[in-house]
C-alpha cells in the first residue's frame, strides 16, 4: 500500500497537505443500475460501471494560520462519482459524498445505485450504519438511486429533501425506516450545517453548507439552478467566507462566455478553492483549473478532504 504525501503552500494564510491511501477493490467490471430521473425509491435503469485507473488518492488538509472560528476537523470523502481518483474504486454517472463533522455523519446524495455505493464504502472502510443524516440534492436518479438499498440494509437516517419531491418518494422512505424532513427555504440541519433550501424554477435543488474552521464549504449535487446562485445563497445562509465549493457544477454544455461569467461570480463571492466533479464538464474543469491554479483541487471517487 502506497502513501503519497505532498505539501502545497496556499494563498496568504492556508496550507494544503496531501496524504492518503485507498484499499483495493475487486478488479472485475460489472453492470449495475442507474437513471436520469426517478420519482420513487424504485431501482433506476441499468448503467455500465467501469473500474478505472487513477492517481493515488490525496486527502487534503486545509488549515488556516489562525482559527477564525471554533470547530474541529471536517472530513469529506467522495463515495460515488463518474470521475476516477483512487485506484480500485468503481465509477459511474452520479454523485455521493460523506461529510464527517465530529458531531454527525452525513451522506450528501446517494449516487445512482446502492451496490456500487456500498462496494466503494466497503473498500474505503466506511460503515453505512454510521450514517445519521442523508441530504438529497434533487430528484434525479443518479443522486437518489442508492437510498433504497441503504434503507434496506438497516440505515435509519433523517433524510432532508426538497419539498418538491413526490409524496410517494417521501412515503416510501418513511415506510423503510427513515424520517423525512422537507426543505423549502433555508434550513439549519444542526449547528454549523445548513440546507440552502430548494432553489430553481425548473429542477428544484438544494445545496449543503458546512461551517469549518477556515470557512464555509458548499457542496452541490448538479447545481441545476445555477452554481453561482447556489453559492451566493449558501454565503447568505452560512454568514461567512467561502473556503471551498465542490460537487457538480452542471456546465457540460455551457459556453466559454458562460463559464467565464461564473468564474467571475466565484471571485466576486470570495470563493477560495474549487473541487468540481460529476457534471461539471471538461471545458469548465479546464477553465476553473487555469483560473484557480493551486487552489483547484482535482477530485473524483475516493478523494478525501480534511478541513481544519
Protein backbone atom coordinates (compact mmCIF):
# COMPACT_ATOMS: atom_id res chain seq x y z
CA UNK A 1 0.00 0.00 0.00
CA UNK A 2 1.40 3.34 -1.01
CA UNK A 3 1.03 6.66 0.73
CA UNK A 4 1.54 9.88 -1.17
CA UNK A 5 2.45 12.94 0.87
CA UNK A 6 2.59 16.39 -0.65
CA UNK A 7 2.83 19.86 0.83
CA UNK A 8 1.49 22.78 -1.12
CA UNK A 9 1.53 26.40 0.10
CA UNK A 10 -1.80 28.15 -0.49
CA UNK A 11 -2.78 31.82 -0.62
CA UNK A 12 -1.78 34.02 2.36
CA UNK A 13 -2.89 32.04 5.38
CA UNK A 14 -3.54 28.45 4.42
CA UNK A 15 -1.55 25.34 3.67
CA UNK A 16 -2.66 22.19 1.97
CA UNK A 17 -1.03 18.88 2.73
CA UNK A 18 -1.99 15.70 0.98
CA UNK A 19 -1.58 12.13 2.16
CA UNK A 20 -3.67 9.02 1.95
CA UNK A 21 -4.19 5.51 0.68
CA UNK A 22 -7.24 3.64 -0.50
CA UNK A 23 -7.87 -0.07 -0.17
CA UNK A 24 -8.19 -2.02 -3.38
CA UNK A 25 -11.45 -3.49 -4.57
CA UNK A 26 -12.18 -6.32 -6.96
CA UNK A 27 -10.80 -5.75 -10.46
CA UNK A 28 -13.94 -7.21 -12.05
CA UNK A 29 -16.01 -4.76 -14.08
CA UNK A 30 -19.74 -5.10 -13.52
CA UNK A 31 -23.05 -3.68 -14.65
CA UNK A 32 -25.36 -2.03 -12.13
CA UNK A 33 -28.41 0.21 -12.24
CA UNK A 34 -28.67 3.96 -12.75
CA UNK A 35 -31.12 6.51 -14.21
CA UNK A 36 -31.57 10.14 -15.07
CA UNK A 37 -34.75 10.72 -13.04
CA UNK A 38 -36.71 8.67 -10.54
CA UNK A 39 -39.90 9.82 -8.84
CA UNK A 40 -39.89 6.96 -6.34
CA UNK A 41 -37.47 4.70 -4.48
CA UNK A 42 -37.63 2.13 -7.26
CA UNK A 43 -34.29 0.86 -8.61
CA UNK A 44 -33.14 3.02 -11.61
CA UNK A 45 -32.39 1.64 -15.08
CA UNK A 46 -29.08 -0.08 -15.68
CA UNK A 47 -25.87 1.81 -16.37
CA UNK A 48 -22.43 0.46 -17.15
CA UNK A 49 -19.87 0.71 -14.36
CA UNK A 50 -16.17 0.57 -15.09
CA UNK A 51 -13.22 0.24 -12.78
CA UNK A 52 -10.72 2.88 -13.86
CA UNK A 53 -7.12 3.67 -13.00
CA UNK A 54 -6.42 6.93 -11.20
CA UNK A 55 -3.68 8.78 -9.36
CA UNK A 56 -3.00 7.83 -5.77
CA UNK A 57 -5.65 9.48 -3.57
CA UNK A 58 -4.55 12.66 -1.87
CA UNK A 59 -6.58 13.58 1.20
CA UNK A 60 -6.09 17.27 1.66
CA UNK A 61 -5.72 19.08 4.94
CA UNK A 62 -6.82 22.71 4.80
CA UNK A 63 -5.51 24.73 7.73
CA UNK A 64 -5.61 28.46 8.47
CA UNK A 65 -2.68 30.14 10.24
CA UNK A 66 -5.15 31.39 12.84
CA UNK A 67 -8.50 29.90 13.73
CA UNK A 68 -11.25 32.36 12.72
CA UNK A 69 -13.98 30.39 14.44
CA UNK A 70 -14.22 27.35 16.73
CA UNK A 71 -14.51 23.86 15.36
CA UNK A 72 -12.70 20.61 14.67
CA UNK A 73 -11.74 18.66 11.58
CA UNK A 74 -14.36 18.08 8.90
CA UNK A 75 -13.65 15.13 6.61
CA UNK A 76 -15.30 14.84 3.20
CA UNK A 77 -14.98 11.62 1.18
CA UNK A 78 -16.24 11.21 -2.39
CA UNK A 79 -18.02 7.83 -2.45
CA UNK A 80 -19.66 7.91 -5.88
CA UNK A 81 -18.66 9.85 -8.97
CA UNK A 82 -18.10 9.39 -12.70
CA UNK A 83 -14.58 10.79 -12.36
CA UNK A 84 -11.85 8.36 -11.23
CA UNK A 85 -9.43 9.20 -8.46
CA UNK A 86 -8.47 6.43 -6.03
CA UNK A 87 -7.23 3.21 -7.66
CA UNK A 88 -9.52 0.20 -7.30
CA UNK A 89 -12.77 2.11 -6.75
CA UNK A 90 -15.55 1.94 -9.32
CA UNK A 91 -17.03 4.87 -11.19
CA UNK A 92 -20.49 5.52 -12.61
CA UNK A 93 -22.55 8.55 -13.51
CA UNK A 94 -23.78 10.14 -10.30
CA UNK A 95 -22.57 11.67 -7.07
CA UNK A 96 -22.40 10.96 -3.34
CA UNK A 97 -20.06 12.16 -0.63
CA UNK A 98 -19.73 11.54 3.09
CA UNK A 99 -19.32 14.50 5.45
CA UNK A 100 -17.98 13.73 8.92
CA UNK A 101 -18.10 16.73 11.23
CA UNK A 102 -17.24 15.11 14.54
CA UNK A 103 -20.80 15.76 15.63
CA UNK A 104 -22.60 13.86 12.88
CA UNK A 105 -22.03 11.63 9.85
CA UNK A 106 -23.88 13.00 6.84
CA UNK A 107 -24.32 11.45 3.40
CA UNK A 108 -24.91 14.03 0.69
CA UNK A 109 -26.68 12.28 -2.19
CA UNK A 110 -26.61 8.51 -2.69
CA UNK A 111 -25.33 8.01 -6.23
CA UNK A 112 -27.18 6.05 -8.89
CA UNK A 113 -27.35 2.65 -7.18
CA UNK A 114 -26.72 1.01 -3.83
CA UNK A 115 -24.45 -1.90 -4.91
CA UNK A 116 -21.74 0.39 -6.26
CA UNK A 117 -22.11 2.89 -3.42
CA UNK A 118 -21.82 0.15 -0.80
CA UNK A 119 -18.89 -1.51 -2.59
CA UNK A 120 -16.92 1.74 -2.58
CA UNK A 121 -17.79 2.35 1.07
CA UNK A 122 -16.59 -1.13 1.98
CA UNK A 123 -13.34 -0.57 0.08
CA UNK A 124 -12.81 2.67 2.00
CA UNK A 125 -13.63 1.05 5.35
CA UNK A 126 -16.78 3.11 5.93
CA UNK A 127 -19.68 1.54 7.82
CA UNK A 128 -23.04 2.52 6.23
CA UNK A 129 -24.73 2.14 9.61
CA UNK A 130 -22.73 5.13 10.84
CA UNK A 131 -24.81 7.41 8.60
CA UNK A 132 -27.16 9.53 10.69
CA UNK A 133 -28.32 12.12 8.16
CA UNK A 134 -28.87 11.95 4.40
CA UNK A 135 -29.30 15.12 2.35
CA UNK A 136 -30.66 14.65 -1.18
CA UNK A 137 -29.88 17.50 -3.55
CA UNK A 138 -32.58 16.83 -6.20
CA UNK A 139 -34.83 14.11 -7.58
CA UNK A 140 -32.63 12.71 -10.35
CA UNK A 141 -31.86 9.02 -10.02
CA UNK A 142 -28.08 9.42 -10.20
CA UNK A 143 -28.36 11.24 -6.85
CA UNK A 144 -31.17 9.29 -5.17
CA UNK A 145 -30.74 5.76 -6.58
CA UNK A 146 -28.73 4.41 -3.65
CA UNK A 147 -31.23 5.37 -0.95
CA UNK A 148 -33.44 2.30 -1.22
CA UNK A 149 -30.52 -0.10 -0.73
CA UNK A 150 -29.19 1.84 2.25
CA UNK A 151 -32.55 1.75 3.99
CA UNK A 152 -32.99 -1.95 3.22
CA UNK A 153 -29.72 -2.78 4.97
CA UNK A 154 -30.86 -1.07 8.17
CA UNK A 155 -29.69 2.54 7.90
CA UNK A 156 -32.34 4.67 9.63
CA UNK A 157 -31.39 8.27 8.93
CA UNK A 158 -33.15 11.57 8.92
CA UNK A 159 -33.49 12.40 5.22
CA UNK A 160 -33.54 16.06 4.22
CA UNK A 161 -35.05 16.50 0.78
CA UNK A 162 -36.51 19.35 -1.26
CA UNK A 163 -40.16 19.98 -0.56
CA UNK A 164 -40.95 19.39 -4.25
CA UNK A 165 -40.05 15.68 -4.05
CA UNK A 166 -43.03 13.45 -4.90
CA UNK A 167 -45.19 12.44 -1.96
CA UNK A 168 -44.78 8.74 -2.73
CA UNK A 169 -40.98 9.08 -2.56
CA UNK A 170 -41.27 10.57 0.91
CA UNK A 171 -43.82 7.96 1.99
CA UNK A 172 -41.66 5.06 0.81
CA UNK A 173 -38.61 6.47 2.57
CA UNK A 174 -40.53 6.77 5.82
CA UNK A 175 -42.03 3.30 5.44
CA UNK A 176 -38.50 1.94 5.11
CA UNK A 177 -37.42 3.49 8.42
CA UNK A 178 -36.26 6.99 7.51
CA UNK A 179 -37.53 10.25 8.92
CA UNK A 180 -38.25 12.64 6.05
CA UNK A 181 -37.77 16.40 6.54
CA UNK A 182 -38.78 18.78 3.76
CA UNK A 183 -36.55 21.74 2.90
CA UNK A 184 -38.36 24.67 1.38
CA UNK A 185 -36.45 27.77 2.44
CA UNK A 186 -33.02 27.77 4.11
CA UNK A 187 -32.87 25.23 6.91
CA UNK A 188 -30.46 24.62 9.78
CA UNK A 189 -29.93 20.86 9.94
CA UNK A 190 -27.77 21.16 13.05
CA UNK A 191 -25.39 23.84 14.34
CA UNK A 192 -22.89 24.57 11.59
CA UNK A 193 -24.76 22.59 8.92
CA UNK A 194 -27.44 24.04 6.62
CA UNK A 195 -29.51 23.45 3.53
CA UNK A 196 -29.75 26.38 1.16
CA UNK A 197 -33.40 25.45 0.79
CA UNK A 198 -34.72 24.29 -2.56
CA UNK A 199 -33.89 26.65 -5.38
CA UNK A 200 -34.67 26.97 -9.07
CA UNK A 201 -37.67 27.36 -11.35
CA UNK A 202 -37.21 24.08 -13.23
CA UNK A 203 -35.38 21.27 -11.47
CA UNK A 204 -35.61 22.16 -7.79
CA UNK A 205 -32.42 21.61 -5.86
CA UNK A 206 -30.74 22.25 -2.52
CA UNK A 207 -27.04 22.50 -1.64
CA UNK A 208 -25.31 21.63 1.62
CA UNK A 209 -23.42 24.28 3.57
CA UNK A 210 -20.85 23.20 6.18
CA UNK A 211 -19.10 25.55 8.59
CA UNK A 212 -15.44 24.65 9.06
CA UNK A 213 -12.59 26.41 10.79
CA UNK A 214 -11.25 28.09 7.60
CA UNK A 215 -14.74 29.00 6.37
CA UNK A 216 -17.81 27.63 4.62
CA UNK A 217 -17.77 24.57 2.39
CA UNK A 218 -20.56 24.44 -0.21
CA UNK A 219 -21.44 21.06 -1.75
CA UNK A 220 -23.65 20.90 -4.83
CA UNK A 221 -25.15 17.84 -6.49
CA UNK A 222 -25.71 19.21 -10.01
CA UNK A 223 -26.41 22.91 -9.36
CA UNK A 224 -29.27 22.98 -11.86
CA UNK A 225 -30.49 26.39 -10.58
CA UNK A 226 -27.03 27.85 -11.38
CA UNK A 227 -23.95 27.12 -9.31
CA UNK A 228 -23.19 30.82 -8.80
CA UNK A 229 -26.72 31.39 -7.47
CA UNK A 230 -26.43 28.46 -5.08
CA UNK A 231 -23.07 29.70 -3.80
CA UNK A 232 -24.48 33.18 -3.23
CA UNK A 233 -27.39 31.66 -1.29
CA UNK A 234 -25.00 29.49 0.72
CA UNK A 235 -22.93 32.51 1.68
CA UNK A 236 -26.05 34.30 2.87
CA UNK A 237 -27.23 31.27 4.84
CA UNK A 238 -23.89 30.47 6.47
CA UNK A 239 -22.87 34.09 7.01
CA UNK A 240 -19.19 33.50 6.39
CA UNK A 241 -16.43 33.43 3.83
CA UNK A 242 -16.41 30.52 1.38
CA UNK A 243 -13.36 28.29 1.65
CA UNK A 244 -14.42 25.66 -0.88
CA UNK A 245 -17.12 24.89 -3.45
CA UNK A 246 -17.26 21.26 -4.57
CA UNK A 247 -19.51 18.84 -6.43
CA UNK A 248 -21.33 19.01 -9.76
CA UNK A 249 -21.49 22.45 -11.42
CA UNK A 250 -23.64 21.35 -14.42
CA UNK A 251 -21.61 23.15 -17.07
CA UNK A 252 -21.05 20.36 -19.59
CA UNK A 253 -22.85 22.26 -22.37
CA UNK A 254 -22.04 25.78 -21.17
CA UNK A 255 -20.32 28.25 -23.48
CA UNK A 256 -16.90 29.69 -22.72
CA UNK A 257 -18.54 33.04 -22.01
CA UNK A 258 -20.99 31.50 -19.55
CA UNK A 259 -18.19 29.73 -17.69
CA UNK A 260 -16.10 32.90 -17.59
CA UNK A 261 -19.06 34.70 -16.05
CA UNK A 262 -19.45 32.04 -13.37
CA UNK A 263 -15.75 32.16 -12.54
CA UNK A 264 -16.04 35.95 -12.19
CA UNK A 265 -19.01 35.45 -9.86
CA UNK A 266 -17.00 32.97 -7.78
CA UNK A 267 -14.21 35.52 -7.41
CA UNK A 268 -16.70 38.24 -6.51
CA UNK A 269 -18.21 35.94 -3.87
CA UNK A 270 -14.74 35.26 -2.45
CA UNK A 271 -14.60 31.55 -3.25
CA UNK A 272 -11.08 30.49 -2.26
CA UNK A 273 -10.88 26.95 -3.64
CA UNK A 274 -12.86 24.75 -6.01
CA UNK A 275 -13.20 20.98 -6.41
CA UNK A 276 -15.62 20.42 -9.31
CA UNK A 277 -16.62 16.94 -10.43
CA UNK A 278 -19.61 14.91 -11.73
CA UNK A 279 -21.49 17.01 -14.33
CA UNK A 280 -19.14 20.00 -14.43
CA UNK A 281 -17.80 19.20 -17.90
CA UNK A 282 -14.30 19.05 -19.38
CA UNK A 283 -14.09 22.64 -20.63
CA UNK A 284 -15.34 24.07 -17.35
CA UNK A 285 -12.90 21.89 -15.40
CA UNK A 286 -10.01 23.19 -17.52
CA UNK A 287 -11.10 26.80 -17.14
CA UNK A 288 -11.52 26.56 -13.37
CA UNK A 289 -8.13 24.85 -13.13
CA UNK A 290 -6.49 27.62 -15.15
CA UNK A 291 -8.11 30.34 -13.04
CA UNK A 292 -7.58 28.81 -9.60
CA UNK A 293 -4.19 27.16 -10.09
CA UNK A 294 -3.04 25.60 -6.83
CA UNK A 295 -6.48 26.30 -5.37
CA UNK A 296 -8.08 23.94 -7.89
CA UNK A 297 -8.50 20.52 -6.22
CA UNK A 298 -8.60 17.53 -8.52
CA UNK A 299 -11.27 15.18 -7.27
CA UNK A 300 -13.19 12.03 -8.08
CA UNK A 301 -14.34 8.84 -6.39
CA UNK A 302 -12.18 8.10 -3.35
CA UNK A 303 -10.91 11.65 -2.84
CA UNK A 304 -10.67 12.61 0.84
CA UNK A 305 -10.53 16.21 2.05
CA UNK A 306 -9.71 17.04 5.65
CA UNK A 307 -10.61 20.60 6.53
CA UNK A 308 -9.39 22.02 9.82
